[in-house]
């Protein structure tokens, strides 16, 4: 029987990202640095949405767009170029789309954002959420009602968590994992919330709270446990030149969901997510750095390292026959208003 539910349900704050790369070092007060690297595009929750859609997942996004040029551009990219369902989203009169300037240097970046709290909450946008196969969520200290409703609908919830500016790292937040199928924090967050001193120790604690626990380790790869299948996996990161790491964690999460929906073994899911995240940092950050099937296929076909060829040999049976045309990466400046931003993803896939 066909499952006509969306593959992925998302909600969160959208940003217009302007990313500057190649700085070498952060600027100091009074200093001007010139750089030749720049890209712009949707960011924030759009990172997850585009990463999922580029792996062929039907993706429904509930977010707020400002009634300005930035909002119009982001909406055009997500709807017309990436074929993301925005029927749950709203445009807010008089509210400016948040704008983030990212200064990327080395493996880190500094962010400056202009914006205001959106006029609609996640719960207001979602209401009674539609049934979906999965939801990718960001859990916070204050639980969102829509997540419990989605879980009650049979939606598998994949969650991550962010930095706690208070640095209290309240373990009460982990109570929300009872609603989740999977939890994917980075090692700093995982160790802080579990009061442990290593990624593996944190993973052990988290695996008692959620069926699938994943701890990402940046340049050291990732570790994971699937209590449903009894699998454990630990994989290294790829050795890549980092242009901009913005959004790499979102690409990891969306890729892990795509592989999970395909029923892949845990090690393959983890390697695939590490690969996709590694490919994304070679582009200007934000949503449009996501590689999609086209980027994975291109990497696989160009691979000459025999060890990597063997390690990632499973891709030969996983990459679809039609990976679509090249994905659109972040332009230096957006096109003029009302200029088409690219072919619809649905047209590119068929």
C-alpha atoms as a PDB file:
ATOM      1  CA  UNK A   1       0.000   0.000   0.000  1.00  0.00           C
ATOM      2  CA  UNK A   2       1.391   3.418  -0.998  1.00  0.00           C
ATOM      3  CA  UNK A   3       2.333   5.789   1.799  1.00  0.00           C
ATOM      4  CA  UNK A   4       1.276   9.264   0.671  1.00  0.00           C
ATOM      5  CA  UNK A   5       2.458  11.017   3.840  1.00  0.00           C
ATOM      6  CA  UNK A   6       5.304  13.552   3.506  1.00  0.00           C
ATOM      7  CA  UNK A   7       8.658  11.963   4.180  1.00  0.00           C
ATOM      8  CA  UNK A   8       9.816  14.870   6.341  1.00  0.00           C
ATOM      9  CA  UNK A   9       7.958  17.488   8.406  1.00  0.00           C
ATOM     10  CA  UNK A  10       9.838  20.576   9.575  1.00  0.00           C
ATOM     11  CA  UNK A  11       9.274  23.861  11.339  1.00  0.00           C
ATOM     12  CA  UNK A  12      11.615  26.548  12.612  1.00  0.00           C
ATOM     13  CA  UNK A  13      13.068  29.968  11.961  1.00  0.00           C
ATOM     14  CA  UNK A  14      14.287  30.829   8.485  1.00  0.00           C
ATOM     15  CA  UNK A  15      17.137  33.251   7.779  1.00  0.00           C
ATOM     16  CA  UNK A  16      18.592  34.913   4.734  1.00  0.00           C
ATOM     17  CA  UNK A  17      22.294  34.000   4.950  1.00  0.00           C
ATOM     18  CA  UNK A  18      25.172  36.040   3.568  1.00  0.00           C
ATOM     19  CA  UNK A  19      28.363  34.008   3.931  1.00  0.00           C
ATOM     20  CA  UNK A  20      31.875  35.447   3.535  1.00  0.00           C
ATOM     21  CA  UNK A  21      34.717  32.927   3.196  1.00  0.00           C
ATOM     22  CA  UNK A  22      38.478  32.917   2.759  1.00  0.00           C
ATOM     23  CA  UNK A  23      39.124  35.426   5.537  1.00  0.00           C
ATOM     24  CA  UNK A  24      42.067  33.563   7.030  1.00  0.00           C
ATOM     25  CA  UNK A  25      41.328  35.104  10.424  1.00  0.00           C
ATOM     26  CA  UNK A  26      38.504  37.014  12.116  1.00  0.00           C
ATOM     27  CA  UNK A  27      38.635  40.799  11.704  1.00  0.00           C
ATOM     28  CA  UNK A  28      39.753  42.896  14.634  1.00  0.00           C
ATOM     29  CA  UNK A  29      38.124  46.214  15.658  1.00  0.00           C
ATOM     30  CA  UNK A  30      38.904  48.923  13.124  1.00  0.00           C
ATOM     31  CA  UNK A  31      40.215  46.437  10.562  1.00  0.00           C
ATOM     32  CA  UNK A  32      38.861  45.854   7.062  1.00  0.00           C
ATOM     33  CA  UNK A  33      39.461  42.500   5.385  1.00  0.00           C
ATOM     34  CA  UNK A  34      38.848  41.907   1.692  1.00  0.00           C
ATOM     35  CA  UNK A  35      37.901  38.432   0.516  1.00  0.00           C
ATOM     36  CA  UNK A  36      36.910  36.868  -2.771  1.00  0.00           C
ATOM     37  CA  UNK A  37      34.546  34.272  -1.305  1.00  0.00           C
ATOM     38  CA  UNK A  38      30.870  35.024  -0.839  1.00  0.00           C
ATOM     39  CA  UNK A  39      27.534  33.251  -1.193  1.00  0.00           C
ATOM     40  CA  UNK A  40      23.928  33.948  -0.262  1.00  0.00           C
ATOM     41  CA  UNK A  41      20.760  31.937   0.167  1.00  0.00           C
ATOM     42  CA  UNK A  42      18.193  30.596   2.622  1.00  0.00           C
ATOM     43  CA  UNK A  43      19.491  29.428   5.996  1.00  0.00           C
ATOM     44  CA  UNK A  44      18.248  28.284   9.391  1.00  0.00           C
ATOM     45  CA  UNK A  45      15.488  25.698   9.052  1.00  0.00           C
ATOM     46  CA  UNK A  46      15.947  25.862   5.268  1.00  0.00           C
ATOM     47  CA  UNK A  47      19.229  23.970   5.720  1.00  0.00           C
ATOM     48  CA  UNK A  48      17.345  20.854   6.815  1.00  0.00           C
ATOM     49  CA  UNK A  49      14.565  21.283   4.274  1.00  0.00           C
ATOM     50  CA  UNK A  50      16.831  21.608   1.241  1.00  0.00           C
ATOM     51  CA  UNK A  51      19.165  18.829   2.389  1.00  0.00           C
ATOM     52  CA  UNK A  52      16.198  16.454   2.711  1.00  0.00           C
ATOM     53  CA  UNK A  53      14.550  17.499  -0.551  1.00  0.00           C
ATOM     54  CA  UNK A  54      17.771  17.041  -2.519  1.00  0.00           C
ATOM     55  CA  UNK A  55      17.781  13.389  -1.487  1.00  0.00           C
ATOM     56  CA  UNK A  56      14.341  12.998  -3.039  1.00  0.00           C
ATOM     57  CA  UNK A  57      12.372  13.183   0.208  1.00  0.00           C
ATOM     58  CA  UNK A  58       8.981  14.881   0.028  1.00  0.00           C
ATOM     59  CA  UNK A  59       9.438  17.723   2.467  1.00  0.00           C
ATOM     60  CA  UNK A  60       6.832  19.902   4.194  1.00  0.00           C
ATOM     61  CA  UNK A  61       8.095  23.087   5.863  1.00  0.00           C
ATOM     62  CA  UNK A  62       6.234  25.397   8.252  1.00  0.00           C
ATOM     63  CA  UNK A  63       8.101  28.668   8.650  1.00  0.00           C
ATOM     64  CA  UNK A  64       7.588  32.437   8.505  1.00  0.00           C
ATOM     65  CA  UNK A  65       8.726  34.630   5.616  1.00  0.00           C
ATOM     66  CA  UNK A  66       9.019  38.386   5.911  1.00  0.00           C
ATOM     67  CA  UNK A  67       7.193  40.509   3.355  1.00  0.00           C
ATOM     68  CA  UNK A  68      10.483  41.832   1.987  1.00  0.00           C
ATOM     69  CA  UNK A  69      12.938  41.019  -0.799  1.00  0.00           C
ATOM     70  CA  UNK A  70      14.794  38.515   1.391  1.00  0.00           C
ATOM     71  CA  UNK A  71      11.586  36.646   2.196  1.00  0.00           C
ATOM     72  CA  UNK A  72      10.447  36.645  -1.417  1.00  0.00           C
ATOM     73  CA  UNK A  73      13.793  35.325  -2.604  1.00  0.00           C
ATOM     74  CA  UNK A  74      13.916  32.559   0.035  1.00  0.00           C
ATOM     75  CA  UNK A  75      10.346  31.500  -0.752  1.00  0.00           C
ATOM     76  CA  UNK A  76      11.126  31.336  -4.484  1.00  0.00           C
ATOM     77  CA  UNK A  77      14.227  29.212  -3.886  1.00  0.00           C
ATOM     78  CA  UNK A  78      12.499  26.764  -1.540  1.00  0.00           C
ATOM     79  CA  UNK A  79       9.268  26.400  -3.519  1.00  0.00           C
ATOM     80  CA  UNK A  80      10.218  26.869  -7.175  1.00  0.00           C
ATOM     81  CA  UNK A  81      13.796  25.601  -7.171  1.00  0.00           C
ATOM     82  CA  UNK A  82      13.760  22.918  -4.456  1.00  0.00           C
ATOM     83  CA  UNK A  83      10.081  21.823  -4.670  1.00  0.00           C
ATOM     84  CA  UNK A  84       9.488  22.064  -0.916  1.00  0.00           C
ATOM     85  CA  UNK A  85       5.864  22.149   0.240  1.00  0.00           C
ATOM     86  CA  UNK A  86       5.259  25.522   1.924  1.00  0.00           C
ATOM     87  CA  UNK A  87       1.516  25.165   2.476  1.00  0.00           C
ATOM     88  CA  UNK A  88       2.039  25.321   6.260  1.00  0.00           C
ATOM     89  CA  UNK A  89       4.183  28.463   6.012  1.00  0.00           C
ATOM     90  CA  UNK A  90       3.050  32.084   6.316  1.00  0.00           C
ATOM     91  CA  UNK A  91       4.205  35.491   5.125  1.00  0.00           C
ATOM     92  CA  UNK A  92       4.086  38.099   7.903  1.00  0.00           C
ATOM     93  CA  UNK A  93       3.192  41.672   6.984  1.00  0.00           C
ATOM     94  CA  UNK A  94       5.660  44.222   8.293  1.00  0.00           C
ATOM     95  CA  UNK A  95       8.035  41.628   9.738  1.00  0.00           C
ATOM     96  CA  UNK A  96      11.598  41.578   8.356  1.00  0.00           C
ATOM     97  CA  UNK A  97      13.128  38.264   7.348  1.00  0.00           C
ATOM     98  CA  UNK A  98      16.071  37.647   9.723  1.00  0.00           C
ATOM     99  CA  UNK A  99      19.427  38.220   8.016  1.00  0.00           C
ATOM    100  CA  UNK A 100      22.648  36.525   9.148  1.00  0.00           C
ATOM    101  CA  UNK A 101      26.139  37.503   8.049  1.00  0.00           C
ATOM    102  CA  UNK A 102      28.547  34.589   8.529  1.00  0.00           C
ATOM    103  CA  UNK A 103      32.301  35.204   8.637  1.00  0.00           C
ATOM    104  CA  UNK A 104      33.894  31.816   7.956  1.00  0.00           C
ATOM    105  CA  UNK A 105      37.546  31.149   8.708  1.00  0.00           C
ATOM    106  CA  UNK A 106      39.309  27.844   9.196  1.00  0.00           C
ATOM    107  CA  UNK A 107      36.882  25.307  10.658  1.00  0.00           C
ATOM    108  CA  UNK A 108      34.867  27.941  12.517  1.00  0.00           C
ATOM    109  CA  UNK A 109      32.757  31.015  11.843  1.00  0.00           C
ATOM    110  CA  UNK A 110      31.331  34.081  13.543  1.00  0.00           C
ATOM    111  CA  UNK A 111      27.703  35.083  13.030  1.00  0.00           C
ATOM    112  CA  UNK A 112      25.936  38.423  13.229  1.00  0.00           C
ATOM    113  CA  UNK A 113      22.133  38.380  12.838  1.00  0.00           C
ATOM    114  CA  UNK A 114      19.569  41.114  12.410  1.00  0.00           C
ATOM    115  CA  UNK A 115      16.046  40.036  13.265  1.00  0.00           C
ATOM    116  CA  UNK A 116      13.068  39.864  15.573  1.00  0.00           C
ATOM    117  CA  UNK A 117      11.014  37.070  17.084  1.00  0.00           C
ATOM    118  CA  UNK A 118       8.555  35.784  14.452  1.00  0.00           C
ATOM    119  CA  UNK A 119       4.878  36.689  14.906  1.00  0.00           C
ATOM    120  CA  UNK A 120       3.814  33.027  14.731  1.00  0.00           C
ATOM    121  CA  UNK A 121       5.103  30.298  17.032  1.00  0.00           C
ATOM    122  CA  UNK A 122       5.933  26.773  15.898  1.00  0.00           C
ATOM    123  CA  UNK A 123       2.781  25.497  17.560  1.00  0.00           C
ATOM    124  CA  UNK A 124       0.672  28.138  15.791  1.00  0.00           C
ATOM    125  CA  UNK A 125       2.188  27.240  12.418  1.00  0.00           C
ATOM    126  CA  UNK A 126       1.731  23.518  12.906  1.00  0.00           C
ATOM    127  CA  UNK A 127      -1.634  23.444  14.702  1.00  0.00           C
ATOM    128  CA  UNK A 128      -2.616  19.798  14.444  1.00  0.00           C
ATOM    129  CA  UNK A 129       0.368  18.645  12.387  1.00  0.00           C
ATOM    130  CA  UNK A 130      -0.269  16.534   9.303  1.00  0.00           C
ATOM    131  CA  UNK A 131       0.778  12.912   9.445  1.00  0.00           C
ATOM    132  CA  UNK A 132       4.319  12.426   8.184  1.00  0.00           C
ATOM    133  CA  UNK A 133       6.841   9.601   8.086  1.00  0.00           C
ATOM    134  CA  UNK A 134       9.432  11.625  10.033  1.00  0.00           C
ATOM    135  CA  UNK A 135       9.861  15.007  11.661  1.00  0.00           C
ATOM    136  CA  UNK A 136      13.217  16.688  12.146  1.00  0.00           C
ATOM    137  CA  UNK A 137      13.029  18.839  15.280  1.00  0.00           C
ATOM    138  CA  UNK A 138      15.211  21.016  17.459  1.00  0.00           C
ATOM    139  CA  UNK A 139      14.328  20.424  21.095  1.00  0.00           C
ATOM    140  CA  UNK A 140      14.533  23.320  23.535  1.00  0.00           C
ATOM    141  CA  UNK A 141      13.964  23.830  27.252  1.00  0.00           C
ATOM    142  CA  UNK A 142      10.307  24.694  26.621  1.00  0.00           C
ATOM    143  CA  UNK A 143       8.597  21.675  24.978  1.00  0.00           C
ATOM    144  CA  UNK A 144       6.651  22.276  21.758  1.00  0.00           C
ATOM    145  CA  UNK A 145       3.118  20.913  21.771  1.00  0.00           C
ATOM    146  CA  UNK A 146       3.180  20.004  18.093  1.00  0.00           C
ATOM    147  CA  UNK A 147       5.993  17.484  18.622  1.00  0.00           C
ATOM    148  CA  UNK A 148       3.876  15.413  21.014  1.00  0.00           C
ATOM    149  CA  UNK A 149       0.972  15.583  18.557  1.00  0.00           C
ATOM    150  CA  UNK A 150       3.209  14.455  15.689  1.00  0.00           C
ATOM    151  CA  UNK A 151       4.573  11.541  17.710  1.00  0.00           C
ATOM    152  CA  UNK A 152       1.007  10.525  18.586  1.00  0.00           C
ATOM    153  CA  UNK A 153       0.240  10.515  14.836  1.00  0.00           C
ATOM    154  CA  UNK A 154       2.891   7.857  14.306  1.00  0.00           C
ATOM    155  CA  UNK A 155       5.527  10.279  13.016  1.00  0.00           C
ATOM    156  CA  UNK A 156       9.064   9.214  13.890  1.00  0.00           C
ATOM    157  CA  UNK A 157      10.775  12.196  15.534  1.00  0.00           C
ATOM    158  CA  UNK A 158      14.482  12.786  14.861  1.00  0.00           C
ATOM    159  CA  UNK A 159      15.792  15.454  17.234  1.00  0.00           C
ATOM    160  CA  UNK A 160      18.864  17.562  17.760  1.00  0.00           C
ATOM    161  CA  UNK A 161      19.644  20.198  20.365  1.00  0.00           C
ATOM    162  CA  UNK A 162      21.611  23.428  20.476  1.00  0.00           C
ATOM    163  CA  UNK A 163      24.141  25.189  22.642  1.00  0.00           C
ATOM    164  CA  UNK A 164      22.813  26.210  26.046  1.00  0.00           C
ATOM    165  CA  UNK A 165      23.852  29.875  26.528  1.00  0.00           C
ATOM    166  CA  UNK A 166      23.201  29.537  30.274  1.00  0.00           C
ATOM    167  CA  UNK A 167      25.562  26.535  30.344  1.00  0.00           C
ATOM    168  CA  UNK A 168      23.352  24.890  32.947  1.00  0.00           C
ATOM    169  CA  UNK A 169      22.696  21.968  30.574  1.00  0.00           C
ATOM    170  CA  UNK A 170      19.578  20.937  32.450  1.00  0.00           C
ATOM    171  CA  UNK A 171      18.984  17.209  32.147  1.00  0.00           C
ATOM    172  CA  UNK A 172      15.240  17.961  32.264  1.00  0.00           C
ATOM    173  CA  UNK A 173      15.495  18.670  28.537  1.00  0.00           C
ATOM    174  CA  UNK A 174      16.259  14.989  27.958  1.00  0.00           C
ATOM    175  CA  UNK A 175      12.769  14.112  29.219  1.00  0.00           C
ATOM    176  CA  UNK A 176      11.532  15.089  25.756  1.00  0.00           C
ATOM    177  CA  UNK A 177      13.417  12.147  24.247  1.00  0.00           C
ATOM    178  CA  UNK A 178      10.510   9.899  25.241  1.00  0.00           C
ATOM    179  CA  UNK A 179       8.766  11.336  22.152  1.00  0.00           C
ATOM    180  CA  UNK A 180      11.733  10.716  19.871  1.00  0.00           C
ATOM    181  CA  UNK A 181      12.860   7.877  17.658  1.00  0.00           C
ATOM    182  CA  UNK A 182      16.383   9.276  17.308  1.00  0.00           C
ATOM    183  CA  UNK A 183      18.583  11.909  18.940  1.00  0.00           C
ATOM    184  CA  UNK A 184      21.585  13.438  17.131  1.00  0.00           C
ATOM    185  CA  UNK A 185      23.543  15.930  19.307  1.00  0.00           C
ATOM    186  CA  UNK A 186      27.188  16.859  18.818  1.00  0.00           C
ATOM    187  CA  UNK A 187      29.697  15.569  21.355  1.00  0.00           C
ATOM    188  CA  UNK A 188      29.956  18.831  23.304  1.00  0.00           C
ATOM    189  CA  UNK A 189      26.186  18.941  23.786  1.00  0.00           C
ATOM    190  CA  UNK A 190      25.928  15.209  24.435  1.00  0.00           C
ATOM    191  CA  UNK A 191      28.606  15.195  27.138  1.00  0.00           C
ATOM    192  CA  UNK A 192      27.219  18.340  28.794  1.00  0.00           C
ATOM    193  CA  UNK A 193      23.642  17.065  29.018  1.00  0.00           C
ATOM    194  CA  UNK A 194      24.655  13.578  30.197  1.00  0.00           C
ATOM    195  CA  UNK A 195      27.420  14.753  32.570  1.00  0.00           C
ATOM    196  CA  UNK A 196      29.934  12.411  30.916  1.00  0.00           C
ATOM    197  CA  UNK A 197      33.504  12.922  29.735  1.00  0.00           C
ATOM    198  CA  UNK A 198      33.547  11.277  26.292  1.00  0.00           C
ATOM    199  CA  UNK A 199      31.359  10.903  23.239  1.00  0.00           C
ATOM    200  CA  UNK A 200      31.146   7.145  23.723  1.00  0.00           C
ATOM    201  CA  UNK A 201      30.128   7.487  27.382  1.00  0.00           C
ATOM    202  CA  UNK A 202      27.499  10.055  26.420  1.00  0.00           C
ATOM    203  CA  UNK A 203      26.224   7.721  23.728  1.00  0.00           C
ATOM    204  CA  UNK A 204      25.819   4.965  26.299  1.00  0.00           C
ATOM    205  CA  UNK A 205      23.630   7.180  28.471  1.00  0.00           C
ATOM    206  CA  UNK A 206      21.552   8.475  25.570  1.00  0.00           C
ATOM    207  CA  UNK A 207      20.987   4.985  24.185  1.00  0.00           C
ATOM    208  CA  UNK A 208      18.979   4.212  27.309  1.00  0.00           C
ATOM    209  CA  UNK A 209      16.644   7.136  26.560  1.00  0.00           C
ATOM    210  CA  UNK A 210      15.954   6.855  22.829  1.00  0.00           C
ATOM    211  CA  UNK A 211      15.887   3.960  20.325  1.00  0.00           C
ATOM    212  CA  UNK A 212      18.554   5.456  18.026  1.00  0.00           C
ATOM    213  CA  UNK A 213      21.312   7.636  19.493  1.00  0.00           C
ATOM    214  CA  UNK A 214      23.949   9.393  17.383  1.00  0.00           C
ATOM    215  CA  UNK A 215      26.778  11.626  18.597  1.00  0.00           C
ATOM    216  CA  UNK A 216      28.563  13.695  15.954  1.00  0.00           C
ATOM    217  CA  UNK A 217      32.211  14.501  16.531  1.00  0.00           C
ATOM    218  CA  UNK A 218      33.101  17.044  13.853  1.00  0.00           C
ATOM    219  CA  UNK A 219      36.503  16.191  12.399  1.00  0.00           C
ATOM    220  CA  UNK A 220      36.484  12.884  14.283  1.00  0.00           C
ATOM    221  CA  UNK A 221      33.358  11.522  12.581  1.00  0.00           C
ATOM    222  CA  UNK A 222      30.409  10.077  14.489  1.00  0.00           C
ATOM    223  CA  UNK A 223      29.288   7.199  16.716  1.00  0.00           C
ATOM    224  CA  UNK A 224      25.837   5.672  16.987  1.00  0.00           C
ATOM    225  CA  UNK A 225      23.753   2.932  18.592  1.00  0.00           C
ATOM    226  CA  UNK A 226      20.501   1.477  17.257  1.00  0.00           C
ATOM    227  CA  UNK A 227      18.755  -0.347  20.079  1.00  0.00           C
ATOM    228  CA  UNK A 228      16.094  -1.670  17.705  1.00  0.00           C
ATOM    229  CA  UNK A 229      18.560  -3.615  15.568  1.00  0.00           C
ATOM    230  CA  UNK A 230      21.292  -4.012  18.201  1.00  0.00           C
ATOM    231  CA  UNK A 231      23.860  -2.273  15.967  1.00  0.00           C
ATOM    232  CA  UNK A 232      26.781  -0.090  17.024  1.00  0.00           C
ATOM    233  CA  UNK A 233      28.832   1.946  14.548  1.00  0.00           C
ATOM    234  CA  UNK A 234      31.749   4.354  14.685  1.00  0.00           C
ATOM    235  CA  UNK A 235      32.982   6.054  11.516  1.00  0.00           C
ATOM    236  CA  UNK A 236      35.670   8.672  10.812  1.00  0.00           C
ATOM    237  CA  UNK A 237      35.121  11.973   9.068  1.00  0.00           C
ATOM    238  CA  UNK A 238      36.279  12.549   5.511  1.00  0.00           C
ATOM    239  CA  UNK A 239      39.498  14.463   4.946  1.00  0.00           C
ATOM    240  CA  UNK A 240      38.164  17.521   3.114  1.00  0.00           C
ATOM    241  CA  UNK A 241      39.154  21.147   2.696  1.00  0.00           C
ATOM    242  CA  UNK A 242      36.642  23.169   4.683  1.00  0.00           C
ATOM    243  CA  UNK A 243      35.333  26.309   2.994  1.00  0.00           C
ATOM    244  CA  UNK A 244      32.420  26.884   5.377  1.00  0.00           C
ATOM    245  CA  UNK A 245      31.004  24.549   8.032  1.00  0.00           C
ATOM    246  CA  UNK A 246      27.680  26.410   8.347  1.00  0.00           C
ATOM    247  CA  UNK A 247      24.786  23.943   8.153  1.00  0.00           C
ATOM    248  CA  UNK A 248      26.930  20.794   8.080  1.00  0.00           C
ATOM    249  CA  UNK A 249      25.110  19.374  11.106  1.00  0.00           C
ATOM    250  CA  UNK A 250      21.772  19.898   9.371  1.00  0.00           C
ATOM    251  CA  UNK A 251      23.008  18.090   6.262  1.00  0.00           C
ATOM    252  CA  UNK A 252      24.190  15.239   8.494  1.00  0.00           C
ATOM    253  CA  UNK A 253      20.756  14.946  10.127  1.00  0.00           C
ATOM    254  CA  UNK A 254      18.769  15.072   6.898  1.00  0.00           C
ATOM    255  CA  UNK A 255      21.086  12.535   5.260  1.00  0.00           C
ATOM    256  CA  UNK A 256      20.792  10.180   8.217  1.00  0.00           C
ATOM    257  CA  UNK A 257      16.996  10.377   7.947  1.00  0.00           C
ATOM    258  CA  UNK A 258      17.108   9.700   4.204  1.00  0.00           C
ATOM    259  CA  UNK A 259      19.238   6.594   4.743  1.00  0.00           C
ATOM    260  CA  UNK A 260      17.072   5.477   7.674  1.00  0.00           C
ATOM    261  CA  UNK A 261      13.913   5.698   5.562  1.00  0.00           C
ATOM    262  CA  UNK A 262      15.717   3.488   3.069  1.00  0.00           C
ATOM    263  CA  UNK A 263      16.207   0.832   5.750  1.00  0.00           C
ATOM    264  CA  UNK A 264      20.000   0.880   5.525  1.00  0.00           C
ATOM    265  CA  UNK A 265      22.261  -0.768   8.143  1.00  0.00           C
ATOM    266  CA  UNK A 266      23.475   1.622  10.843  1.00  0.00           C
ATOM    267  CA  UNK A 267      27.074   1.817   9.613  1.00  0.00           C
ATOM    268  CA  UNK A 268      25.908   2.727   6.103  1.00  0.00           C
ATOM    269  CA  UNK A 269      23.540   5.360   7.508  1.00  0.00           C
ATOM    270  CA  UNK A 270      26.358   6.889   9.518  1.00  0.00           C
ATOM    271  CA  UNK A 271      28.919   6.821   6.696  1.00  0.00           C
ATOM    272  CA  UNK A 272      26.411   8.343   4.299  1.00  0.00           C
ATOM    273  CA  UNK A 273      25.607  11.178   6.717  1.00  0.00           C
ATOM    274  CA  UNK A 274      29.304  11.851   7.359  1.00  0.00           C
ATOM    275  CA  UNK A 275      29.920  11.907   3.599  1.00  0.00           C
ATOM    276  CA  UNK A 276      27.072  14.305   2.849  1.00  0.00           C
ATOM    277  CA  UNK A 277      28.138  16.658   5.654  1.00  0.00           C
ATOM    278  CA  UNK A 278      31.730  16.498   4.414  1.00  0.00           C
ATOM    279  CA  UNK A 279      30.700  17.391   0.877  1.00  0.00           C
ATOM    280  CA  UNK A 280      28.611  20.320   2.144  1.00  0.00           C
ATOM    281  CA  UNK A 281      31.512  22.114   3.857  1.00  0.00           C
ATOM    282  CA  UNK A 282      33.270  22.480   0.510  1.00  0.00           C
ATOM    283  CA  UNK A 283      30.591  24.979  -0.564  1.00  0.00           C
ATOM    284  CA  UNK A 284      29.397  28.274   0.846  1.00  0.00           C
ATOM    285  CA  UNK A 285      27.209  27.411   3.833  1.00  0.00           C
ATOM    286  CA  UNK A 286      23.484  27.508   4.307  1.00  0.00           C
ATOM    287  CA  UNK A 287      20.848  25.460   2.577  1.00  0.00           C
ATOM    288  CA  UNK A 288      22.358  25.530  -0.909  1.00  0.00           C
ATOM    289  CA  UNK A 289      25.551  23.742   0.188  1.00  0.00           C
ATOM    290  CA  UNK A 290      23.628  20.447   0.501  1.00  0.00           C
ATOM    291  CA  UNK A 291      25.026  17.957  -2.059  1.00  0.00           C
ATOM    292  CA  UNK A 292      21.936  15.854  -2.768  1.00  0.00           C
ATOM    293  CA  UNK A 293      22.147  12.696  -4.820  1.00  0.00           C
ATOM    294  CA  UNK A 294      23.877  14.578  -7.634  1.00  0.00           C
ATOM    295  CA  UNK A 295      26.756  15.614  -5.384  1.00  0.00           C
ATOM    296  CA  UNK A 296      27.135  12.160  -3.838  1.00  0.00           C
ATOM    297  CA  UNK A 297      27.109  10.524  -7.276  1.00  0.00           C
ATOM    298  CA  UNK A 298      29.696  12.951  -8.606  1.00  0.00           C
ATOM    299  CA  UNK A 299      31.979  12.250  -5.624  1.00  0.00           C
ATOM    300  CA  UNK A 300      31.534   8.495  -6.007  1.00  0.00           C
ATOM    301  CA  UNK A 301      32.327   8.538  -9.744  1.00  0.00           C
ATOM    302  CA  UNK A 302      35.448  10.652  -9.224  1.00  0.00           C
ATOM    303  CA  UNK A 303      36.778   8.534  -6.326  1.00  0.00           C
ATOM    304  CA  UNK A 304      40.213   7.017  -6.915  1.00  0.00           C
ATOM    305  CA  UNK A 305      41.290   6.118  -3.362  1.00  0.00           C
ATOM    306  CA  UNK A 306      40.967   2.291  -3.229  1.00  0.00           C
ATOM    307  CA  UNK A 307      40.347   2.238   0.525  1.00  0.00           C
ATOM    308  CA  UNK A 308      37.527   4.772   0.315  1.00  0.00           C
ATOM    309  CA  UNK A 309      36.182   2.984  -2.756  1.00  0.00           C
ATOM    310  CA  UNK A 310      35.886  -0.186  -0.707  1.00  0.00           C
ATOM    311  CA  UNK A 311      34.556   1.555   2.414  1.00  0.00           C
ATOM    312  CA  UNK A 312      31.832   3.347   0.452  1.00  0.00           C
ATOM    313  CA  UNK A 313      31.179   0.467  -1.931  1.00  0.00           C
ATOM    314  CA  UNK A 314      27.590   0.260  -0.689  1.00  0.00           C
ATOM    315  CA  UNK A 315      26.856   3.448  -2.648  1.00  0.00           C
ATOM    316  CA  UNK A 316      26.981   1.472  -5.890  1.00  0.00           C
ATOM    317  CA  UNK A 317      23.653  -0.105  -4.896  1.00  0.00           C
ATOM    318  CA  UNK A 318      22.220   2.948  -3.119  1.00  0.00           C
ATOM    319  CA  UNK A 319      22.630   5.820  -5.574  1.00  0.00           C
ATOM    320  CA  UNK A 320      19.488   6.071  -7.748  1.00  0.00           C
ATOM    321  CA  UNK A 321      19.710   5.727 -11.517  1.00  0.00           C
ATOM    322  CA  UNK A 322      18.448   9.286 -11.963  1.00  0.00           C
ATOM    323  CA  UNK A 323      20.356  11.690  -9.707  1.00  0.00           C
ATOM    324  CA  UNK A 324      19.064  14.756 -11.529  1.00  0.00           C
ATOM    325  CA  UNK A 325      21.020  17.685 -12.978  1.00  0.00           C
ATOM    326  CA  UNK A 326      23.628  19.656 -11.000  1.00  0.00           C
ATOM    327  CA  UNK A 327      22.327  21.203  -7.784  1.00  0.00           C
ATOM    328  CA  UNK A 328      22.226  24.982  -7.455  1.00  0.00           C
ATOM    329  CA  UNK A 329      24.848  26.371  -5.078  1.00  0.00           C
ATOM    330  CA  UNK A 330      24.783  29.721  -3.289  1.00  0.00           C
ATOM    331  CA  UNK A 331      25.108  32.628  -5.731  1.00  0.00           C
ATOM    332  CA  UNK A 332      27.245  35.650  -4.903  1.00  0.00           C
ATOM    333  CA  UNK A 333      24.134  37.831  -5.184  1.00  0.00           C
ATOM    334  CA  UNK A 334      20.497  36.800  -5.619  1.00  0.00           C
ATOM    335  CA  UNK A 335      18.805  37.249  -8.992  1.00  0.00           C
ATOM    336  CA  UNK A 336      16.681  40.305  -9.606  1.00  0.00           C
ATOM    337  CA  UNK A 337      13.126  40.152  -8.203  1.00  0.00           C
ATOM    338  CA  UNK A 338      10.766  37.963 -10.226  1.00  0.00           C
ATOM    339  CA  UNK A 339      13.657  36.348 -12.114  1.00  0.00           C
ATOM    340  CA  UNK A 340      13.250  32.541 -12.040  1.00  0.00           C
ATOM    341  CA  UNK A 341      15.743  31.017  -9.614  1.00  0.00           C
ATOM    342  CA  UNK A 342      15.987  27.648 -11.351  1.00  0.00           C
ATOM    343  CA  UNK A 343      13.970  24.646 -12.504  1.00  0.00           C
ATOM    344  CA  UNK A 344      11.542  23.061 -10.094  1.00  0.00           C
ATOM    345  CA  UNK A 345      13.020  20.039  -8.356  1.00  0.00           C
ATOM    346  CA  UNK A 346      10.060  17.943  -9.537  1.00  0.00           C
ATOM    347  CA  UNK A 347      11.029  18.747 -13.125  1.00  0.00           C
ATOM    348  CA  UNK A 348      14.662  17.950 -12.425  1.00  0.00           C
ATOM    349  CA  UNK A 349      13.861  14.547 -10.940  1.00  0.00           C
ATOM    350  CA  UNK A 350      11.735  13.228 -13.793  1.00  0.00           C
END
